[in-house]
PDB file of N, CA and C in Angstrom:
ATOM      1  N   MET A   1     -99.966 100.815  32.566  1.00  0.00           N
ATOM      2  CA  MET A   1     -98.533 100.574  32.528  1.00  0.00           C
ATOM      3  C   MET A   1     -98.239  99.157  32.986  1.00  0.00           C
ATOM      4  N   ASN A   2     -97.223  98.574  32.370  1.00  0.00           N
ATOM      5  CA  ASN A   2     -96.818  97.252  32.827  1.00  0.00           C
ATOM      6  C   ASN A   2     -95.850  97.398  34.000  1.00  0.00           C
ATOM      7  N   ASP A   3     -95.458  96.266  34.578  1.00  0.00           N
ATOM      8  CA  ASP A   3     -94.633  96.295  35.792  1.00  0.00           C
ATOM      9  C   ASP A   3     -93.258  96.914  35.571  1.00  0.00           C
ATOM     10  N   THR A   4     -92.626  96.680  34.411  1.00  0.00           N
ATOM     11  CA  THR A   4     -91.283  97.222  34.193  1.00  0.00           C
ATOM     12  C   THR A   4     -91.306  98.734  34.044  1.00  0.00           C
ATOM     13  N   THR A   5     -92.291  99.289  33.361  1.00  0.00           N
ATOM     14  CA  THR A   5     -92.363 100.746  33.249  1.00  0.00           C
ATOM     15  C   THR A   5     -92.743 101.369  34.578  1.00  0.00           C
ATOM     16  N   GLN A   6     -93.575 100.691  35.367  1.00  0.00           N
ATOM     17  CA  GLN A   6     -93.934 101.187  36.694  1.00  0.00           C
ATOM     18  C   GLN A   6     -92.704 101.221  37.593  1.00  0.00           C
ATOM     19  N   ASP A   7     -91.856 100.175  37.525  1.00  0.00           N
ATOM     20  CA  ASP A   7     -90.623 100.144  38.314  1.00  0.00           C
ATOM     21  C   ASP A   7     -89.682 101.269  37.902  1.00  0.00           C
ATOM     22  N   ALA A   8     -89.590 101.540  36.609  1.00  0.00           N
ATOM     23  CA  ALA A   8     -88.726 102.615  36.121  1.00  0.00           C
ATOM     24  C   ALA A   8     -89.215 103.963  36.634  1.00  0.00           C
ATOM     25  N   VAL A   9     -90.517 104.176  36.649  1.00  0.00           N
ATOM     26  CA  VAL A   9     -91.079 105.432  37.162  1.00  0.00           C
ATOM     27  C   VAL A   9     -90.802 105.559  38.648  1.00  0.00           C
ATOM     28  N   ASN A  10     -90.967 104.474  39.412  1.00  0.00           N
ATOM     29  CA  ASN A  10     -90.695 104.509  40.844  1.00  0.00           C
ATOM     30  C   ASN A  10     -89.224 104.785  41.127  1.00  0.00           C
ATOM     31  N   ASN A  11     -88.307 104.188  40.345  1.00  0.00           N
ATOM     32  CA  ASN A  11     -86.878 104.420  40.544  1.00  0.00           C
ATOM     33  C   ASN A  11     -86.515 105.876  40.297  1.00  0.00           C
ATOM     34  N   GLU A  12     -87.127 106.506  39.289  1.00  0.00           N
ATOM     35  CA  GLU A  12     -86.837 107.912  39.012  1.00  0.00           C
ATOM     36  C   GLU A  12     -87.327 108.804  40.144  1.00  0.00           C
ATOM     37  N   GLN A  13     -88.441 108.445  40.757  1.00  0.00           N
ATOM     38  CA  GLN A  13     -88.978 109.246  41.852  1.00  0.00           C
ATOM     39  C   GLN A  13     -88.137 109.102  43.111  1.00  0.00           C
ATOM     40  N   GLU A  14     -87.482 107.954  43.312  1.00  0.00           N
ATOM     41  CA  GLU A  14     -86.684 107.711  44.501  1.00  0.00           C
ATOM     42  C   GLU A  14     -85.291 108.314  44.418  1.00  0.00           C
ATOM     43  N   ARG A  15     -84.843 108.676  43.252  1.00  0.00           N
ATOM     44  CA  ARG A  15     -83.493 109.220  43.095  1.00  0.00           C
ATOM     45  C   ARG A  15     -83.396 110.594  43.753  1.00  0.00           C
ATOM     46  N   PRO A  16     -82.284 110.842  44.463  1.00  0.00           N
ATOM     47  CA  PRO A  16     -82.100 112.172  45.038  1.00  0.00           C
ATOM     48  C   PRO A  16     -81.823 113.203  43.938  1.00  0.00           C
ATOM     49  N   ALA A  17     -82.190 114.435  44.192  1.00  0.00           N
ATOM     50  CA  ALA A  17     -81.936 115.503  43.218  1.00  0.00           C
ATOM     51  C   ALA A  17     -80.428 115.697  43.067  1.00  0.00           C
ATOM     52  N   LEU A  18     -79.993 115.924  41.841  1.00  0.00           N
ATOM     53  CA  LEU A  18     -78.571 116.165  41.595  1.00  0.00           C
ATOM     54  C   LEU A  18     -78.198 117.549  42.121  1.00  0.00           C
ATOM     55  N   PRO A  19     -77.112 117.635  42.888  1.00  0.00           N
ATOM     56  CA  PRO A  19     -76.692 118.926  43.433  1.00  0.00           C
ATOM     57  C   PRO A  19     -76.035 119.807  42.377  1.00  0.00           C
ATOM     58  N   ASP A  20     -75.873 121.090  42.700  1.00  0.00           N
ATOM     59  CA  ASP A  20     -75.204 122.030  41.810  1.00  0.00           C
ATOM     60  C   ASP A  20     -73.736 121.675  41.647  1.00  0.00           C
ATOM     61  N   ARG A  21     -73.128 121.152  42.711  1.00  0.00           N
ATOM     62  CA  ARG A  21     -71.714 120.779  42.666  1.00  0.00           C
ATOM     63  C   ARG A  21     -71.554 119.387  43.251  1.00  0.00           C
ATOM     64  N   LEU A  22     -70.802 118.545  42.558  1.00  0.00           N
ATOM     65  CA  LEU A  22     -70.644 117.156  42.988  1.00  0.00           C
ATOM     66  C   LEU A  22     -69.236 116.672  42.655  1.00  0.00           C
ATOM     67  N   SER A  23     -68.670 115.865  43.553  1.00  0.00           N
ATOM     68  CA  SER A  23     -67.338 115.316  43.361  1.00  0.00           C
ATOM     69  C   SER A  23     -67.377 113.804  43.554  1.00  0.00           C
ATOM     70  N   VAL A  24     -66.532 113.071  42.831  1.00  0.00           N
ATOM     71  CA  VAL A  24     -66.445 111.624  42.992  1.00  0.00           C
ATOM     72  C   VAL A  24     -65.452 111.230  44.082  1.00  0.00           C
ATOM     73  N   ASN A  25     -64.674 112.190  44.593  1.00  0.00           N
ATOM     74  CA  ASN A  25     -63.674 111.924  45.618  1.00  0.00           C
ATOM     75  C   ASN A  25     -64.335 111.924  47.001  1.00  0.00           C
ATOM     76  N   PRO A  26     -64.296 110.792  47.724  1.00  0.00           N
ATOM     77  CA  PRO A  26     -64.926 110.729  49.051  1.00  0.00           C
ATOM     78  C   PRO A  26     -64.345 111.714  50.065  1.00  0.00           C
ATOM     79  N   ARG A  27     -63.143 112.221  49.842  1.00  0.00           N
ATOM     80  CA  ARG A  27     -62.546 113.208  50.752  1.00  0.00           C
ATOM     81  C   ARG A  27     -63.129 114.602  50.574  1.00  0.00           C
ATOM     82  N   SER A  28     -63.780 114.837  49.467  1.00  0.00           N
ATOM     83  CA  SER A  28     -64.290 116.164  49.140  1.00  0.00           C
ATOM     84  C   SER A  28     -65.556 116.477  49.946  1.00  0.00           C
ATOM     85  N   PRO A  29     -65.751 117.742  50.331  1.00  0.00           N
ATOM     86  CA  PRO A  29     -67.009 118.127  50.993  1.00  0.00           C
ATOM     87  C   PRO A  29     -68.195 118.095  50.033  1.00  0.00           C
ATOM     88  N   HIS A  30     -67.940 117.961  48.738  1.00  0.00           N
ATOM     89  CA  HIS A  30     -69.014 117.938  47.733  1.00  0.00           C
ATOM     90  C   HIS A  30     -69.358 116.515  47.289  1.00  0.00           C
ATOM     91  N   TYR A  31     -68.881 115.525  48.017  1.00  0.00           N
ATOM     92  CA  TYR A  31     -69.169 114.123  47.725  1.00  0.00           C
ATOM     93  C   TYR A  31     -70.488 113.740  48.395  1.00  0.00           C
ATOM     94  N   VAL A  32     -71.403 113.131  47.630  1.00  0.00           N
ATOM     95  CA  VAL A  32     -72.688 112.678  48.161  1.00  0.00           C
ATOM     96  C   VAL A  32     -72.834 111.201  47.808  1.00  0.00           C
ATOM     97  N   LYS A  33     -72.686 110.351  48.801  1.00  0.00           N
ATOM     98  CA  LYS A  33     -72.666 108.904  48.586  1.00  0.00           C
ATOM     99  C   LYS A  33     -73.955 108.391  47.934  1.00  0.00           C
ATOM    100  N   GLU A  34     -75.101 108.929  48.323  1.00  0.00           N
ATOM    101  CA  GLU A  34     -76.395 108.451  47.823  1.00  0.00           C
ATOM    102  C   GLU A  34     -76.530 108.635  46.307  1.00  0.00           C
ATOM    103  N   ILE A  35     -75.907 109.672  45.768  1.00  0.00           N
ATOM    104  CA  ILE A  35     -75.989 109.950  44.326  1.00  0.00           C
ATOM    105  C   ILE A  35     -75.316 108.840  43.526  1.00  0.00           C
ATOM    106  N   PHE A  36     -74.211 108.297  44.037  1.00  0.00           N
ATOM    107  CA  PHE A  36     -73.412 107.349  43.270  1.00  0.00           C
ATOM    108  C   PHE A  36     -73.971 105.929  43.280  1.00  0.00           C
ATOM    109  N   GLN A  37     -75.140 105.739  43.870  1.00  0.00           N
ATOM    110  CA  GLN A  37     -75.835 104.464  43.734  1.00  0.00           C
ATOM    111  C   GLN A  37     -76.453 104.356  42.341  1.00  0.00           C
ATOM    112  N   TYR A  38     -76.531 105.468  41.649  1.00  0.00           N
ATOM    113  CA  TYR A  38     -77.112 105.547  40.310  1.00  0.00           C
ATOM    114  C   TYR A  38     -76.041 105.997  39.322  1.00  0.00           C
ATOM    115  N   ASP A  39     -76.286 105.777  38.056  1.00  0.00           N
ATOM    116  CA  ASP A  39     -75.347 106.181  37.007  1.00  0.00           C
ATOM    117  C   ASP A  39     -75.629 107.639  36.636  1.00  0.00           C
ATOM    118  N   VAL A  40     -74.655 108.515  36.842  1.00  0.00           N
ATOM    119  CA  VAL A  40     -74.805 109.942  36.574  1.00  0.00           C
ATOM    120  C   VAL A  40     -74.046 110.287  35.293  1.00  0.00           C
ATOM    121  N   GLY A  41     -74.687 111.047  34.421  1.00  0.00           N
ATOM    122  CA  GLY A  41     -74.055 111.493  33.195  1.00  0.00           C
ATOM    123  C   GLY A  41     -73.770 112.982  33.243  1.00  0.00           C
ATOM    124  N   ILE A  42     -72.691 113.410  32.608  1.00  0.00           N
ATOM    125  CA  ILE A  42     -72.305 114.814  32.543  1.00  0.00           C
ATOM    126  C   ILE A  42     -72.125 115.196  31.086  1.00  0.00           C
ATOM    127  N   THR A  43     -72.695 116.326  30.720  1.00  0.00           N
ATOM    128  CA  THR A  43     -72.522 116.871  29.382  1.00  0.00           C
ATOM    129  C   THR A  43     -71.838 118.224  29.516  1.00  0.00           C
ATOM    130  N   LEU A  44     -70.766 118.438  28.757  1.00  0.00           N
ATOM    131  CA  LEU A  44     -70.063 119.717  28.722  1.00  0.00           C
ATOM    132  C   LEU A  44     -70.120 120.229  27.289  1.00  0.00           C
ATOM    133  N   ASN A  45     -70.735 121.374  27.108  1.00  0.00           N
ATOM    134  CA  ASN A  45     -70.890 121.986  25.781  1.00  0.00           C
ATOM    135  C   ASN A  45     -71.524 121.031  24.773  1.00  0.00           C
ATOM    136  N   GLY A  46     -72.516 120.273  25.220  1.00  0.00           N
ATOM    137  CA  GLY A  46     -73.255 119.391  24.332  1.00  0.00           C
ATOM    138  C   GLY A  46     -72.631 118.035  24.068  1.00  0.00           C
ATOM    139  N   LYS A  47     -71.476 117.745  24.683  1.00  0.00           N
ATOM    140  CA  LYS A  47     -70.814 116.452  24.489  1.00  0.00           C
ATOM    141  C   LYS A  47     -70.750 115.706  25.812  1.00  0.00           C
ATOM    142  N   ASP A  48     -71.088 114.420  25.772  1.00  0.00           N
ATOM    143  CA  ASP A  48     -71.009 113.589  26.972  1.00  0.00           C
ATOM    144  C   ASP A  48     -69.555 113.419  27.382  1.00  0.00           C
ATOM    145  N   ARG A  49     -69.313 113.539  28.686  1.00  0.00           N
ATOM    146  CA  ARG A  49     -67.973 113.334  29.242  1.00  0.00           C
ATOM    147  C   ARG A  49     -68.038 112.151  30.189  1.00  0.00           C
ATOM    148  N   PHE A  50     -67.053 111.270  30.097  1.00  0.00           N
ATOM    149  CA  PHE A  50     -67.013 110.077  30.932  1.00  0.00           C
ATOM    150  C   PHE A  50     -65.846 110.109  31.915  1.00  0.00           C
ATOM    151  N   ASP A  51     -65.081 111.211  31.923  1.00  0.00           N
ATOM    152  CA  ASP A  51     -63.894 111.309  32.760  1.00  0.00           C
ATOM    153  C   ASP A  51     -63.982 112.416  33.802  1.00  0.00           C
ATOM    154  N   VAL A  52     -65.181 112.856  34.140  1.00  0.00           N
ATOM    155  CA  VAL A  52     -65.368 113.985  35.050  1.00  0.00           C
ATOM    156  C   VAL A  52     -65.163 113.541  36.495  1.00  0.00           C
ATOM    157  N   GLU A  53     -64.313 114.266  37.217  1.00  0.00           N
ATOM    158  CA  GLU A  53     -64.055 114.008  38.632  1.00  0.00           C
ATOM    159  C   GLU A  53     -64.928 114.897  39.517  1.00  0.00           C
ATOM    160  N   GLU A  54     -65.236 116.104  39.053  1.00  0.00           N
ATOM    161  CA  GLU A  54     -66.037 117.058  39.818  1.00  0.00           C
ATOM    162  C   GLU A  54     -66.684 118.022  38.834  1.00  0.00           C
ATOM    163  N   TYR A  55     -67.864 118.522  39.192  1.00  0.00           N
ATOM    164  CA  TYR A  55     -68.522 119.506  38.329  1.00  0.00           C
ATOM    165  C   TYR A  55     -69.232 120.557  39.164  1.00  0.00           C
ATOM    166  N   CYS A  56     -69.481 121.707  38.558  1.00  0.00           N
ATOM    167  CA  CYS A  56     -70.293 122.766  39.148  1.00  0.00           C
ATOM    168  C   CYS A  56     -71.141 123.354  38.017  1.00  0.00           C
ATOM    169  N   ILE A  57     -72.444 123.194  38.126  1.00  0.00           N
ATOM    170  CA  ILE A  57     -73.348 123.650  37.074  1.00  0.00           C
ATOM    171  C   ILE A  57     -73.438 125.168  37.048  1.00  0.00           C
ATOM    172  N   SER A  58     -73.612 125.806  38.217  1.00  0.00           N
ATOM    173  CA  SER A  58     -73.812 127.255  38.254  1.00  0.00           C
ATOM    174  C   SER A  58     -72.583 128.033  37.797  1.00  0.00           C
ATOM    175  N   GLU A  59     -71.392 127.527  38.074  1.00  0.00           N
ATOM    176  CA  GLU A  59     -70.169 128.208  37.660  1.00  0.00           C
ATOM    177  C   GLU A  59     -69.702 127.763  36.280  1.00  0.00           C
ATOM    178  N   GLY A  60     -70.260 126.673  35.744  1.00  0.00           N
ATOM    179  CA  GLY A  60     -69.961 126.230  34.387  1.00  0.00           C
ATOM    180  C   GLY A  60     -68.590 125.623  34.198  1.00  0.00           C
ATOM    181  N   TRP A  61     -68.206 124.656  35.058  1.00  0.00           N
ATOM    182  CA  TRP A  61     -66.926 123.988  34.876  1.00  0.00           C
ATOM    183  C   TRP A  61     -67.002 122.524  35.303  1.00  0.00           C
ATOM    184  N   VAL A  62     -66.083 121.755  34.763  1.00  0.00           N
ATOM    185  CA  VAL A  62     -65.863 120.370  35.192  1.00  0.00           C
ATOM    186  C   VAL A  62     -64.369 120.196  35.411  1.00  0.00           C
ATOM    187  N   LYS A  63     -64.025 119.263  36.268  1.00  0.00           N
ATOM    188  CA  LYS A  63     -62.615 118.930  36.488  1.00  0.00           C
ATOM    189  C   LYS A  63     -62.395 117.501  36.024  1.00  0.00           C
ATOM    190  N   VAL A  64     -61.350 117.338  35.215  1.00  0.00           N
ATOM    191  CA  VAL A  64     -60.993 116.020  34.686  1.00  0.00           C
ATOM    192  C   VAL A  64     -59.529 115.741  35.001  1.00  0.00           C
ATOM    193  N   ALA A  65     -59.186 114.457  35.081  1.00  0.00           N
ATOM    194  CA  ALA A  65     -57.809 114.065  35.370  1.00  0.00           C
ATOM    195  C   ALA A  65     -56.900 114.452  34.206  1.00  0.00           C
ATOM    196  N   ALA A  66     -55.718 114.977  34.551  1.00  0.00           N
ATOM    197  CA  ALA A  66     -54.729 115.393  33.550  1.00  0.00           C
ATOM    198  C   ALA A  66     -53.772 114.243  33.294  1.00  0.00           C
ATOM    199  N   ALA A  67     -54.091 113.425  32.314  1.00  0.00           N
ATOM    200  CA  ALA A  67     -53.269 112.282  31.897  1.00  0.00           C
ATOM    201  C   ALA A  67     -52.932 111.386  33.086  1.00  0.00           C
ATOM    202  N   LYS A  68     -51.659 111.035  33.242  1.00  0.00           N
ATOM    203  CA  LYS A  68     -51.259 110.125  34.319  1.00  0.00           C
ATOM    204  C   LYS A  68     -50.584 110.856  35.469  1.00  0.00           C
ATOM    205  N   ALA A  69     -50.611 112.182  35.449  1.00  0.00           N
ATOM    206  CA  ALA A  69     -49.920 112.969  36.469  1.00  0.00           C
ATOM    207  C   ALA A  69     -50.623 112.847  37.821  1.00  0.00           C
ATOM    208  N   LEU A  70     -49.829 112.711  38.884  1.00  0.00           N
ATOM    209  CA  LEU A  70     -50.351 112.601  40.244  1.00  0.00           C
ATOM    210  C   LEU A  70     -49.768 113.701  41.109  1.00  0.00           C
ATOM    211  N   ASP A  71     -50.529 114.113  42.126  1.00  0.00           N
ATOM    212  CA  ASP A  71     -49.993 115.088  43.074  1.00  0.00           C
ATOM    213  C   ASP A  71     -49.179 114.347  44.140  1.00  0.00           C
ATOM    214  N   ARG A  72     -48.678 115.057  45.123  1.00  0.00           N
ATOM    215  CA  ARG A  72     -47.803 114.441  46.114  1.00  0.00           C
ATOM    216  C   ARG A  72     -48.528 113.462  47.037  1.00  0.00           C
ATOM    217  N   ARG A  73     -49.857 113.481  47.037  1.00  0.00           N
ATOM    218  CA  ARG A  73     -50.643 112.543  47.841  1.00  0.00           C
ATOM    219  C   ARG A  73     -51.107 111.336  47.025  1.00  0.00           C
ATOM    220  N   GLY A  74     -50.716 111.276  45.762  1.00  0.00           N
ATOM    221  CA  GLY A  74     -51.095 110.169  44.908  1.00  0.00           C
ATOM    222  C   GLY A  74     -52.439 110.338  44.222  1.00  0.00           C
ATOM    223  N   GLN A  75     -53.044 111.512  44.360  1.00  0.00           N
ATOM    224  CA  GLN A  75     -54.316 111.805  43.705  1.00  0.00           C
ATOM    225  C   GLN A  75     -54.038 112.364  42.310  1.00  0.00           C
ATOM    226  N   PRO A  76     -54.929 112.109  41.350  1.00  0.00           N
ATOM    227  CA  PRO A  76     -54.690 112.647  40.001  1.00  0.00           C
ATOM    228  C   PRO A  76     -54.756 114.170  39.974  1.00  0.00           C
ATOM    229  N   LEU A  77     -53.874 114.783  39.176  1.00  0.00           N
ATOM    230  CA  LEU A  77     -53.946 116.221  38.968  1.00  0.00           C
ATOM    231  C   LEU A  77     -55.170 116.500  38.102  1.00  0.00           C
ATOM    232  N   LEU A  78     -55.878 117.571  38.415  1.00  0.00           N
ATOM    233  CA  LEU A  78     -57.122 117.867  37.714  1.00  0.00           C
ATOM    234  C   LEU A  78     -57.004 119.133  36.880  1.00  0.00           C
ATOM    235  N   MET A  79     -57.580 119.078  35.674  1.00  0.00           N
ATOM    236  CA  MET A  79     -57.681 120.247  34.800  1.00  0.00           C
ATOM    237  C   MET A  79     -59.126 120.734  34.865  1.00  0.00           C
ATOM    238  N   THR A  80     -59.305 122.041  34.803  1.00  0.00           N
ATOM    239  CA  THR A  80     -60.641 122.618  34.792  1.00  0.00           C
ATOM    240  C   THR A  80     -61.017 122.992  33.366  1.00  0.00           C
ATOM    241  N   LEU A  81     -62.156 122.484  32.917  1.00  0.00           N
ATOM    242  CA  LEU A  81     -62.693 122.814  31.598  1.00  0.00           C
ATOM    243  C   LEU A  81     -63.970 123.608  31.806  1.00  0.00           C
ATOM    244  N   LYS A  82     -64.137 124.703  31.071  1.00  0.00           N
ATOM    245  CA  LYS A  82     -65.283 125.573  31.261  1.00  0.00           C
ATOM    246  C   LYS A  82     -66.255 125.471  30.096  1.00  0.00           C
ATOM    247  N   GLY A  83     -67.527 125.708  30.407  1.00  0.00           N
ATOM    248  CA  GLY A  83     -68.571 125.675  29.392  1.00  0.00           C
ATOM    249  C   GLY A  83     -69.922 125.443  30.033  1.00  0.00           C
ATOM    250  N   THR A  84     -70.876 125.024  29.235  1.00  0.00           N
ATOM    251  CA  THR A  84     -72.222 124.738  29.716  1.00  0.00           C
ATOM    252  C   THR A  84     -72.259 123.302  30.226  1.00  0.00           C
ATOM    253  N   VAL A  85     -72.564 123.153  31.524  1.00  0.00           N
ATOM    254  CA  VAL A  85     -72.544 121.843  32.179  1.00  0.00           C
ATOM    255  C   VAL A  85     -73.974 121.393  32.457  1.00  0.00           C
ATOM    256  N   THR A  86     -74.253 120.134  32.129  1.00  0.00           N
ATOM    257  CA  THR A  86     -75.543 119.524  32.420  1.00  0.00           C
ATOM    258  C   THR A  86     -75.298 118.172  33.079  1.00  0.00           C
ATOM    259  N   ALA A  87     -75.975 117.932  34.203  1.00  0.00           N
ATOM    260  CA  ALA A  87     -75.882 116.636  34.897  1.00  0.00           C
ATOM    261  C   ALA A  87     -77.231 115.955  34.812  1.00  0.00           C
ATOM    262  N   PHE A  88     -77.204 114.623  34.651  1.00  0.00           N
ATOM    263  CA  PHE A  88     -78.458 113.890  34.524  1.00  0.00           C
ATOM    264  C   PHE A  88     -78.243 112.439  34.940  1.00  0.00           C
ATOM    265  N   TYR A  89     -79.336 111.778  35.281  1.00  0.00           N
ATOM    266  CA  TYR A  89     -79.289 110.334  35.545  1.00  0.00           C
ATOM    267  C   TYR A  89     -79.458 109.609  34.231  1.00  0.00           C
ATOM    268  N   ARG A  90     -78.698 108.544  34.040  1.00  0.00           N
ATOM    269  CA  ARG A  90     -78.819 107.741  32.813  1.00  0.00           C
ATOM    270  C   ARG A  90     -79.853 106.673  33.013  1.00  0.00           C
TER     271      ARG A  90
END
């Protein structure tokens, strides 16, 4: 192996395992700072999603922002979409 492929293999080994449930909101108990050092991809029902705020693989749902609507604390309102969820590192 050359140096670039060796570095790619080492980076994959150093990445933390993706949890069953993860949130991008630092206030959430499901937020894991170490995960967000890497680019995480989410697939819902076979389609890549780029707007996911939170996901749960075992329960089969993702939460996405509902347009421009905000709650009383200024956080985006979230819609829950159900289906087959897959999380992966890009």
